[in-house]
Amino acid sequence: MSKLDRTKKILFVCGTGGITSAIAEQEVLKACKDEGMDVLTIRCVPTEVASRARDVDIIVSTTALGPGYPVPVVNGLGLITGVNKKETLEQIVELLKNIT
């Protein structure tokens, strides 16, 4: 099985676990599909991140998170505002490609 074959798990975080994480999630799902990647997504609020971080490959957050998570954390605010959206999606795709 190649790196791209394994389902990658992404945790999306926003203040309420709803609207902004759903928008970011859709953008990332499209980018991953375009790259042929299979992903599983989970949405949560910041208070749930610590308990969920060990079960995912990366975290995409549209709200501020502190340091100390065992997986990469990507600032996903650009997926909502459009500022650096392309670069943010490229960063996420590259991180996922490099996860074994």
PDB file of N, CA and C in Angstrom:
ATOM      1  N   MET A   1       0.846  -1.176   0.000  1.00  0.00           N
ATOM      2  CA  MET A   1       0.000   0.000   0.000  1.00  0.00           C
ATOM      3  C   MET A   1       0.894   1.243   0.000  1.00  0.00           C
ATOM      4  N   SER A   2       0.642   2.172  -0.905  1.00  0.00           N
ATOM      5  CA  SER A   2       1.436   3.390  -0.963  1.00  0.00           C
ATOM      6  C   SER A   2       0.939   4.395   0.067  1.00  0.00           C
ATOM      7  N   LYS A   3       1.746   5.450   0.263  1.00  0.00           N
ATOM      8  CA  LYS A   3       1.366   6.500   1.206  1.00  0.00           C
ATOM      9  C   LYS A   3       0.018   7.114   0.848  1.00  0.00           C
ATOM     10  N   LEU A   4      -0.239   7.258  -0.454  1.00  0.00           N
ATOM     11  CA  LEU A   4      -1.476   7.894  -0.881  1.00  0.00           C
ATOM     12  C   LEU A   4      -2.682   6.978  -0.709  1.00  0.00           C
ATOM     13  N   ASP A   5      -2.448   5.671  -0.570  1.00  0.00           N
ATOM     14  CA  ASP A   5      -3.557   4.730  -0.443  1.00  0.00           C
ATOM     15  C   ASP A   5      -4.193   4.737   0.947  1.00  0.00           C
ATOM     16  N   ARG A   6      -3.407   5.007   1.969  1.00  0.00           N
ATOM     17  CA  ARG A   6      -3.927   4.969   3.330  1.00  0.00           C
ATOM     18  C   ARG A   6      -4.860   6.155   3.572  1.00  0.00           C
ATOM     19  N   THR A   7      -5.986   5.891   4.190  1.00  0.00           N
ATOM     20  CA  THR A   7      -6.912   6.965   4.535  1.00  0.00           C
ATOM     21  C   THR A   7      -6.263   7.875   5.568  1.00  0.00           C
ATOM     22  N   LYS A   8      -6.242   9.164   5.264  1.00  0.00           N
ATOM     23  CA  LYS A   8      -5.678  10.156   6.177  1.00  0.00           C
ATOM     24  C   LYS A   8      -6.814  10.745   7.009  1.00  0.00           C
ATOM     25  N   LYS A   9      -6.521  11.043   8.261  1.00  0.00           N
ATOM     26  CA  LYS A   9      -7.534  11.592   9.168  1.00  0.00           C
ATOM     27  C   LYS A   9      -7.202  13.049   9.490  1.00  0.00           C
ATOM     28  N   ILE A  10      -8.195  13.910   9.275  1.00  0.00           N
ATOM     29  CA  ILE A  10      -8.013  15.340   9.502  1.00  0.00           C
ATOM     30  C   ILE A  10      -9.027  15.818  10.532  1.00  0.00           C
ATOM     31  N   LEU A  11      -8.532  16.528  11.530  1.00  0.00           N
ATOM     32  CA  LEU A  11      -9.393  17.129  12.541  1.00  0.00           C
ATOM     33  C   LEU A  11      -9.567  18.609  12.209  1.00  0.00           C
ATOM     34  N   PHE A  12     -10.804  19.037  12.002  1.00  0.00           N
ATOM     35  CA  PHE A  12     -11.117  20.435  11.726  1.00  0.00           C
ATOM     36  C   PHE A  12     -11.654  21.067  12.998  1.00  0.00           C
ATOM     37  N   VAL A  13     -11.101  22.226  13.347  1.00  0.00           N
ATOM     38  CA  VAL A  13     -11.452  22.883  14.601  1.00  0.00           C
ATOM     39  C   VAL A  13     -11.914  24.311  14.329  1.00  0.00           C
ATOM     40  N   CYS A  14     -13.042  24.676  14.929  1.00  0.00           N
ATOM     41  CA  CYS A  14     -13.474  26.076  14.928  1.00  0.00           C
ATOM     42  C   CYS A  14     -14.147  26.362  16.259  1.00  0.00           C
ATOM     43  N   GLY A  15     -14.480  27.600  16.476  1.00  0.00           N
ATOM     44  CA  GLY A  15     -15.028  28.011  17.769  1.00  0.00           C
ATOM     45  C   GLY A  15     -16.236  27.219  18.223  1.00  0.00           C
ATOM     46  N   THR A  16     -17.114  26.859  17.277  1.00  0.00           N
ATOM     47  CA  THR A  16     -18.327  26.126  17.645  1.00  0.00           C
ATOM     48  C   THR A  16     -18.390  24.727  17.047  1.00  0.00           C
ATOM     49  N   GLY A  17     -17.380  24.340  16.268  1.00  0.00           N
ATOM     50  CA  GLY A  17     -17.391  23.020  15.639  1.00  0.00           C
ATOM     51  C   GLY A  17     -18.387  22.923  14.503  1.00  0.00           C
ATOM     52  N   GLY A  18     -18.770  24.057  13.944  1.00  0.00           N
ATOM     53  CA  GLY A  18     -19.819  24.065  12.928  1.00  0.00           C
ATOM     54  C   GLY A  18     -19.441  24.705  11.618  1.00  0.00           C
ATOM     55  N   ILE A  19     -19.893  25.930  11.417  1.00  0.00           N
ATOM     56  CA  ILE A  19     -19.869  26.555  10.102  1.00  0.00           C
ATOM     57  C   ILE A  19     -18.468  26.729   9.520  1.00  0.00           C
ATOM     58  N   THR A  20     -17.567  27.403  10.228  1.00  0.00           N
ATOM     59  CA  THR A  20     -16.258  27.655   9.607  1.00  0.00           C
ATOM     60  C   THR A  20     -15.470  26.370   9.396  1.00  0.00           C
ATOM     61  N   SER A  21     -15.588  25.426  10.307  1.00  0.00           N
ATOM     62  CA  SER A  21     -14.876  24.164  10.085  1.00  0.00           C
ATOM     63  C   SER A  21     -15.495  23.393   8.926  1.00  0.00           C
ATOM     64  N   ALA A  22     -16.788  23.523   8.720  1.00  0.00           N
ATOM     65  CA  ALA A  22     -17.443  22.849   7.589  1.00  0.00           C
ATOM     66  C   ALA A  22     -16.989  23.440   6.262  1.00  0.00           C
ATOM     67  N   ILE A  23     -16.835  24.762   6.210  1.00  0.00           N
ATOM     68  CA  ILE A  23     -16.351  25.406   4.985  1.00  0.00           C
ATOM     69  C   ILE A  23     -14.916  24.969   4.701  1.00  0.00           C
ATOM     70  N   ALA A  24     -14.066  25.014   5.709  1.00  0.00           N
ATOM     71  CA  ALA A  24     -12.676  24.583   5.542  1.00  0.00           C
ATOM     72  C   ALA A  24     -12.619  23.116   5.129  1.00  0.00           C
ATOM     73  N   GLU A  25     -13.438  22.304   5.744  1.00  0.00           N
ATOM     74  CA  GLU A  25     -13.495  20.874   5.438  1.00  0.00           C
ATOM     75  C   GLU A  25     -13.810  20.640   3.962  1.00  0.00           C
ATOM     76  N   GLN A  26     -14.788  21.346   3.422  1.00  0.00           N
ATOM     77  CA  GLN A  26     -15.160  21.168   2.013  1.00  0.00           C
ATOM     78  C   GLN A  26     -14.021  21.555   1.079  1.00  0.00           C
ATOM     79  N   GLU A  27     -13.313  22.623   1.390  1.00  0.00           N
ATOM     80  CA  GLU A  27     -12.174  23.047   0.569  1.00  0.00           C
ATOM     81  C   GLU A  27     -11.078  21.975   0.572  1.00  0.00           C
ATOM     82  N   VAL A  28     -10.786  21.440   1.740  1.00  0.00           N
ATOM     83  CA  VAL A  28      -9.736  20.425   1.860  1.00  0.00           C
ATOM     84  C   VAL A  28     -10.166  19.116   1.204  1.00  0.00           C
ATOM     85  N   LEU A  29     -11.412  18.728   1.381  1.00  0.00           N
ATOM     86  CA  LEU A  29     -11.905  17.500   0.739  1.00  0.00           C
ATOM     87  C   LEU A  29     -11.759  17.576  -0.780  1.00  0.00           C
ATOM     88  N   LYS A  30     -12.079  18.725  -1.359  1.00  0.00           N
ATOM     89  CA  LYS A  30     -11.942  18.896  -2.803  1.00  0.00           C
ATOM     90  C   LYS A  30     -10.482  18.792  -3.225  1.00  0.00           C
ATOM     91  N   ALA A  31      -9.590  19.460  -2.505  1.00  0.00           N
ATOM     92  CA  ALA A  31      -8.164  19.415  -2.836  1.00  0.00           C
ATOM     93  C   ALA A  31      -7.619  17.993  -2.722  1.00  0.00           C
ATOM     94  N   CYS A  32      -8.030  17.266  -1.698  1.00  0.00           N
ATOM     95  CA  CYS A  32      -7.568  15.888  -1.510  1.00  0.00           C
ATOM     96  C   CYS A  32      -8.119  14.981  -2.601  1.00  0.00           C
ATOM     97  N   LYS A  33      -9.361  15.174  -2.968  1.00  0.00           N
ATOM     98  CA  LYS A  33      -9.956  14.384  -4.049  1.00  0.00           C
ATOM     99  C   LYS A  33      -9.204  14.620  -5.351  1.00  0.00           C
ATOM    100  N   ASP A  34      -8.869  15.885  -5.625  1.00  0.00           N
ATOM    101  CA  ASP A  34      -8.112  16.219  -6.831  1.00  0.00           C
ATOM    102  C   ASP A  34      -6.749  15.529  -6.858  1.00  0.00           C
ATOM    103  N   GLU A  35      -6.197  15.247  -5.674  1.00  0.00           N
ATOM    104  CA  GLU A  35      -4.897  14.571  -5.561  1.00  0.00           C
ATOM    105  C   GLU A  35      -5.036  13.055  -5.433  1.00  0.00           C
ATOM    106  N   GLY A  36      -6.263  12.557  -5.437  1.00  0.00           N
ATOM    107  CA  GLY A  36      -6.493  11.122  -5.329  1.00  0.00           C
ATOM    108  C   GLY A  36      -6.321  10.575  -3.926  1.00  0.00           C
ATOM    109  N   MET A  37      -6.460  11.419  -2.931  1.00  0.00           N
ATOM    110  CA  MET A  37      -6.302  10.996  -1.539  1.00  0.00           C
ATOM    111  C   MET A  37      -7.644  10.685  -0.901  1.00  0.00           C
ATOM    112  N   ASP A  38      -7.649   9.628  -0.111  1.00  0.00           N
ATOM    113  CA  ASP A  38      -8.828   9.251   0.664  1.00  0.00           C
ATOM    114  C   ASP A  38      -8.660   9.847   2.057  1.00  0.00           C
ATOM    115  N   VAL A  39      -9.625  10.659   2.487  1.00  0.00           N
ATOM    116  CA  VAL A  39      -9.525  11.280   3.803  1.00  0.00           C
ATOM    117  C   VAL A  39     -10.789  11.062   4.620  1.00  0.00           C
ATOM    118  N   LEU A  40     -10.594  11.027   5.909  1.00  0.00           N
ATOM    119  CA  LEU A  40     -11.684  10.965   6.878  1.00  0.00           C
ATOM    120  C   LEU A  40     -11.608  12.259   7.674  1.00  0.00           C
ATOM    121  N   THR A  41     -12.721  12.948   7.816  1.00  0.00           N
ATOM    122  CA  THR A  41     -12.709  14.219   8.526  1.00  0.00           C
ATOM    123  C   THR A  41     -13.556  14.159   9.786  1.00  0.00           C
ATOM    124  N   ILE A  42     -13.105  14.927  10.763  1.00  0.00           N
ATOM    125  CA  ILE A  42     -13.787  15.040  12.047  1.00  0.00           C
ATOM    126  C   ILE A  42     -13.821  16.526  12.387  1.00  0.00           C
ATOM    127  N   ARG A  43     -14.939  17.007  12.894  1.00  0.00           N
ATOM    128  CA  ARG A  43     -15.046  18.406  13.326  1.00  0.00           C
ATOM    129  C   ARG A  43     -15.186  18.458  14.836  1.00  0.00           C
ATOM    130  N   CYS A  44     -14.583  19.480  15.428  1.00  0.00           N
ATOM    131  CA  CYS A  44     -14.711  19.637  16.877  1.00  0.00           C
ATOM    132  C   CYS A  44     -14.492  21.085  17.293  1.00  0.00           C
ATOM    133  N   VAL A  45     -14.671  21.333  18.577  1.00  0.00           N
ATOM    134  CA  VAL A  45     -14.402  22.640  19.182  1.00  0.00           C
ATOM    135  C   VAL A  45     -13.038  22.578  19.866  1.00  0.00           C
ATOM    136  N   PRO A  46     -12.431  23.729  20.149  1.00  0.00           N
ATOM    137  CA  PRO A  46     -11.083  23.733  20.731  1.00  0.00           C
ATOM    138  C   PRO A  46     -10.925  22.909  22.006  1.00  0.00           C
ATOM    139  N   THR A  47     -11.933  22.851  22.838  1.00  0.00           N
ATOM    140  CA  THR A  47     -11.808  22.099  24.091  1.00  0.00           C
ATOM    141  C   THR A  47     -11.722  20.591  23.875  1.00  0.00           C
ATOM    142  N   GLU A  48     -12.041  20.123  22.669  1.00  0.00           N
ATOM    143  CA  GLU A  48     -11.978  18.688  22.371  1.00  0.00           C
ATOM    144  C   GLU A  48     -10.683  18.269  21.678  1.00  0.00           C
ATOM    145  N   VAL A  49      -9.873  19.232  21.272  1.00  0.00           N
ATOM    146  CA  VAL A  49      -8.691  18.919  20.462  1.00  0.00           C
ATOM    147  C   VAL A  49      -7.722  18.001  21.197  1.00  0.00           C
ATOM    148  N   ALA A  50      -7.418  18.293  22.434  1.00  0.00           N
ATOM    149  CA  ALA A  50      -6.442  17.490  23.178  1.00  0.00           C
ATOM    150  C   ALA A  50      -6.827  16.017  23.223  1.00  0.00           C
ATOM    151  N   SER A  51      -8.102  15.724  23.358  1.00  0.00           N
ATOM    152  CA  SER A  51      -8.533  14.328  23.452  1.00  0.00           C
ATOM    153  C   SER A  51      -8.629  13.647  22.088  1.00  0.00           C
ATOM    154  N   ARG A  52      -8.643  14.409  21.014  1.00  0.00           N
ATOM    155  CA  ARG A  52      -8.784  13.827  19.675  1.00  0.00           C
ATOM    156  C   ARG A  52      -7.494  13.845  18.856  1.00  0.00           C
ATOM    157  N   ALA A  53      -6.525  14.647  19.254  1.00  0.00           N
ATOM    158  CA  ALA A  53      -5.331  14.874  18.441  1.00  0.00           C
ATOM    159  C   ALA A  53      -4.528  13.608  18.158  1.00  0.00           C
ATOM    160  N   ARG A  54      -4.499  12.677  19.070  1.00  0.00           N
ATOM    161  CA  ARG A  54      -3.705  11.456  18.867  1.00  0.00           C
ATOM    162  C   ARG A  54      -4.323  10.506  17.844  1.00  0.00           C
ATOM    163  N   ASP A  55      -5.578  10.743  17.499  1.00  0.00           N
ATOM    164  CA  ASP A  55      -6.283   9.846  16.581  1.00  0.00           C
ATOM    165  C   ASP A  55      -6.335  10.365  15.148  1.00  0.00           C
ATOM    166  N   VAL A  56      -5.637  11.481  14.866  1.00  0.00           N
ATOM    167  CA  VAL A  56      -5.676  12.068  13.526  1.00  0.00           C
ATOM    168  C   VAL A  56      -4.258  12.287  13.006  1.00  0.00           C
ATOM    169  N   ASP A  57      -4.167  12.596  11.707  1.00  0.00           N
ATOM    170  CA  ASP A  57      -2.865  12.844  11.086  1.00  0.00           C
ATOM    171  C   ASP A  57      -2.480  14.317  11.096  1.00  0.00           C
ATOM    172  N   ILE A  58      -3.454  15.203  10.910  1.00  0.00           N
ATOM    173  CA  ILE A  58      -3.206  16.635  11.005  1.00  0.00           C
ATOM    174  C   ILE A  58      -4.440  17.327  11.579  1.00  0.00           C
ATOM    175  N   ILE A  59      -4.213  18.547  12.044  1.00  0.00           N
ATOM    176  CA  ILE A  59      -5.287  19.396  12.547  1.00  0.00           C
ATOM    177  C   ILE A  59      -5.339  20.640  11.673  1.00  0.00           C
ATOM    178  N   VAL A  60      -6.538  20.998  11.225  1.00  0.00           N
ATOM    179  CA  VAL A  60      -6.755  22.249  10.499  1.00  0.00           C
ATOM    180  C   VAL A  60      -7.690  23.076  11.364  1.00  0.00           C
ATOM    181  N   SER A  61      -7.201  24.234  11.808  1.00  0.00           N
ATOM    182  CA  SER A  61      -7.981  25.034  12.741  1.00  0.00           C
ATOM    183  C   SER A  61      -8.243  26.436  12.203  1.00  0.00           C
ATOM    184  N   THR A  62      -9.473  26.898  12.368  1.00  0.00           N
ATOM    185  CA  THR A  62      -9.816  28.266  11.985  1.00  0.00           C
ATOM    186  C   THR A  62      -9.856  29.177  13.207  1.00  0.00           C
ATOM    187  N   THR A  63      -9.414  28.665  14.327  1.00  0.00           N
ATOM    188  CA  THR A  63      -9.334  29.441  15.560  1.00  0.00           C
ATOM    189  C   THR A  63      -7.966  29.201  16.191  1.00  0.00           C
ATOM    190  N   ALA A  64      -7.572  30.058  17.096  1.00  0.00           N
ATOM    191  CA  ALA A  64      -6.253  29.927  17.720  1.00  0.00           C
ATOM    192  C   ALA A  64      -6.191  28.686  18.609  1.00  0.00           C
ATOM    193  N   LEU A  65      -5.104  27.939  18.444  1.00  0.00           N
ATOM    194  CA  LEU A  65      -4.825  26.779  19.298  1.00  0.00           C
ATOM    195  C   LEU A  65      -3.445  26.973  19.905  1.00  0.00           C
ATOM    196  N   GLY A  66      -3.275  26.518  21.100  1.00  0.00           N
ATOM    197  CA  GLY A  66      -1.965  26.578  21.728  1.00  0.00           C
ATOM    198  C   GLY A  66      -1.037  25.518  21.152  1.00  0.00           C
ATOM    199  N   PRO A  67       0.221  25.525  21.560  1.00  0.00           N
ATOM    200  CA  PRO A  67       1.193  24.538  21.076  1.00  0.00           C
ATOM    201  C   PRO A  67       1.056  23.207  21.810  1.00  0.00           C
ATOM    202  N   GLY A  68       1.823  22.231  21.333  1.00  0.00           N
ATOM    203  CA  GLY A  68       1.946  20.988  22.068  1.00  0.00           C
ATOM    204  C   GLY A  68       1.135  19.815  21.571  1.00  0.00           C
ATOM    205  N   TYR A  69       0.689  19.859  20.336  1.00  0.00           N
ATOM    206  CA  TYR A  69      -0.076  18.730  19.802  1.00  0.00           C
ATOM    207  C   TYR A  69       0.859  17.749  19.109  1.00  0.00           C
ATOM    208  N   PRO A  70       0.533  16.455  19.121  1.00  0.00           N
ATOM    209  CA  PRO A  70       1.430  15.438  18.566  1.00  0.00           C
ATOM    210  C   PRO A  70       1.406  15.343  17.040  1.00  0.00           C
ATOM    211  N   VAL A  71       0.608  16.168  16.384  1.00  0.00           N
ATOM    212  CA  VAL A  71       0.504  16.163  14.920  1.00  0.00           C
ATOM    213  C   VAL A  71       0.597  17.605  14.421  1.00  0.00           C
ATOM    214  N   PRO A  72       0.897  17.785  13.132  1.00  0.00           N
ATOM    215  CA  PRO A  72       0.967  19.151  12.594  1.00  0.00           C
ATOM    216  C   PRO A  72      -0.370  19.877  12.712  1.00  0.00           C
ATOM    217  N   VAL A  73      -0.289  21.174  13.014  1.00  0.00           N
ATOM    218  CA  VAL A  73      -1.468  22.036  13.083  1.00  0.00           C
ATOM    219  C   VAL A  73      -1.340  23.091  11.990  1.00  0.00           C
ATOM    220  N   VAL A  74      -2.356  23.182  11.141  1.00  0.00           N
ATOM    221  CA  VAL A  74      -2.369  24.150  10.050  1.00  0.00           C
ATOM    222  C   VAL A  74      -3.413  25.218  10.355  1.00  0.00           C
ATOM    223  N   ASN A  75      -3.021  26.474  10.182  1.00  0.00           N
ATOM    224  CA  ASN A  75      -3.964  27.576  10.328  1.00  0.00           C
ATOM    225  C   ASN A  75      -4.867  27.578   9.103  1.00  0.00           C
ATOM    226  N   GLY A  76      -6.135  27.265   9.284  1.00  0.00           N
ATOM    227  CA  GLY A  76      -7.068  27.147   8.174  1.00  0.00           C
ATOM    228  C   GLY A  76      -7.909  28.377   7.919  1.00  0.00           C
ATOM    229  N   LEU A  77      -7.589  29.488   8.568  1.00  0.00           N
ATOM    230  CA  LEU A  77      -8.393  30.692   8.405  1.00  0.00           C
ATOM    231  C   LEU A  77      -8.424  31.170   6.952  1.00  0.00           C
ATOM    232  N   GLY A  78      -7.325  30.988   6.238  1.00  0.00           N
ATOM    233  CA  GLY A  78      -7.282  31.384   4.831  1.00  0.00           C
ATOM    234  C   GLY A  78      -8.277  30.629   3.964  1.00  0.00           C
ATOM    235  N   LEU A  79      -8.695  29.459   4.403  1.00  0.00           N
ATOM    236  CA  LEU A  79      -9.701  28.698   3.658  1.00  0.00           C
ATOM    237  C   LEU A  79     -11.065  29.366   3.758  1.00  0.00           C
ATOM    238  N   ILE A  80     -11.239  30.195   4.770  1.00  0.00           N
ATOM    239  CA  ILE A  80     -12.488  30.922   4.977  1.00  0.00           C
ATOM    240  C   ILE A  80     -12.415  32.304   4.327  1.00  0.00           C
ATOM    241  N   THR A  81     -11.295  33.001   4.557  1.00  0.00           N
ATOM    242  CA  THR A  81     -11.158  34.378   4.070  1.00  0.00           C
ATOM    243  C   THR A  81     -10.707  34.461   2.621  1.00  0.00           C
ATOM    244  N   GLY A  82     -10.063  33.402   2.136  1.00  0.00           N
ATOM    245  CA  GLY A  82      -9.512  33.420   0.791  1.00  0.00           C
ATOM    246  C   GLY A  82      -8.072  33.903   0.743  1.00  0.00           C
ATOM    247  N   VAL A  83      -7.569  34.476   1.836  1.00  0.00           N
ATOM    248  CA  VAL A  83      -6.196  34.964   1.894  1.00  0.00           C
ATOM    249  C   VAL A  83      -5.250  33.773   2.020  1.00  0.00           C
ATOM    250  N   ASN A  84      -4.361  33.620   1.045  1.00  0.00           N
ATOM    251  CA  ASN A  84      -3.413  32.497   1.004  1.00  0.00           C
ATOM    252  C   ASN A  84      -4.109  31.140   0.960  1.00  0.00           C
ATOM    253  N   LYS A  85      -5.294  31.102   0.396  1.00  0.00           N
ATOM    254  CA  LYS A  85      -6.062  29.855   0.317  1.00  0.00           C
ATOM    255  C   LYS A  85      -5.301  28.772  -0.446  1.00  0.00           C
ATOM    256  N   LYS A  86      -4.777  29.120  -1.613  1.00  0.00           N
ATOM    257  CA  LYS A  86      -4.055  28.139  -2.430  1.00  0.00           C
ATOM    258  C   LYS A  86      -2.852  27.584  -1.672  1.00  0.00           C
ATOM    259  N   GLU A  87      -2.099  28.464  -1.034  1.00  0.00           N
ATOM    260  CA  GLU A  87      -0.913  28.042  -0.288  1.00  0.00           C
ATOM    261  C   GLU A  87      -1.287  27.151   0.895  1.00  0.00           C
ATOM    262  N   THR A  88      -2.380  27.488   1.550  1.00  0.00           N
ATOM    263  CA  THR A  88      -2.840  26.678   2.683  1.00  0.00           C
ATOM    264  C   THR A  88      -3.239  25.281   2.225  1.00  0.00           C
ATOM    265  N   LEU A  89      -3.970  25.203   1.118  1.00  0.00           N
ATOM    266  CA  LEU A  89      -4.365  23.892   0.582  1.00  0.00           C
ATOM    267  C   LEU A  89      -3.140  23.088   0.160  1.00  0.00           C
ATOM    268  N   GLU A  90      -2.171  23.748  -0.468  1.00  0.00           N
ATOM    269  CA  GLU A  90      -0.936  23.059  -0.870  1.00  0.00           C
ATOM    270  C   GLU A  90      -0.193  22.530   0.349  1.00  0.00           C
ATOM    271  N   GLN A  91      -0.137  23.319   1.418  1.00  0.00           N
ATOM    272  CA  GLN A  91       0.526  22.886   2.645  1.00  0.00           C
ATOM    273  C   GLN A  91      -0.156  21.645   3.218  1.00  0.00           C
ATOM    274  N   ILE A  92      -1.466  21.657   3.264  1.00  0.00           N
ATOM    275  CA  ILE A  92      -2.222  20.524   3.804  1.00  0.00           C
ATOM    276  C   ILE A  92      -1.995  19.278   2.961  1.00  0.00           C
ATOM    277  N   VAL A  93      -2.084  19.414   1.651  1.00  0.00           N
ATOM    278  CA  VAL A  93      -1.884  18.269   0.751  1.00  0.00           C
ATOM    279  C   VAL A  93      -0.476  17.709   0.919  1.00  0.00           C
ATOM    280  N   GLU A  94       0.529  18.569   0.982  1.00  0.00           N
ATOM    281  CA  GLU A  94       1.909  18.093   1.146  1.00  0.00           C
ATOM    282  C   GLU A  94       2.101  17.374   2.477  1.00  0.00           C
ATOM    283  N   LEU A  95       1.547  17.928   3.539  1.00  0.00           N
ATOM    284  CA  LEU A  95       1.639  17.252   4.840  1.00  0.00           C
ATOM    285  C   LEU A  95       1.023  15.860   4.769  1.00  0.00           C
ATOM    286  N   LEU A  96      -0.138  15.763   4.163  1.00  0.00           N
ATOM    287  CA  LEU A  96      -0.822  14.468   4.066  1.00  0.00           C
ATOM    288  C   LEU A  96      -0.050  13.487   3.197  1.00  0.00           C
ATOM    289  N   LYS A  97       0.551  13.969   2.120  1.00  0.00           N
ATOM    290  CA  LYS A  97       1.334  13.096   1.239  1.00  0.00           C
ATOM    291  C   LYS A  97       2.529  12.496   1.966  1.00  0.00           C
ATOM    292  N   ASN A  98       3.080  13.226   2.919  1.00  0.00           N
ATOM    293  CA  ASN A  98       4.283  12.773   3.615  1.00  0.00           C
ATOM    294  C   ASN A  98       4.006  11.937   4.856  1.00  0.00           C
ATOM    295  N   ILE A  99       2.752  11.689   5.139  1.00  0.00           N
ATOM    296  CA  ILE A  99       2.390  10.856   6.293  1.00  0.00           C
ATOM    297  C   ILE A  99       2.338   9.400   5.849  1.00  0.00           C
ATOM    298  N   THR A 100       3.032   8.547   6.585  1.00  0.00           N
ATOM    299  CA  THR A 100       3.051   7.122   6.227  1.00  0.00           C
ATOM    300  C   THR A 100       2.040   6.347   7.028  1.00  0.00           C
TER     301      THR A 100
END
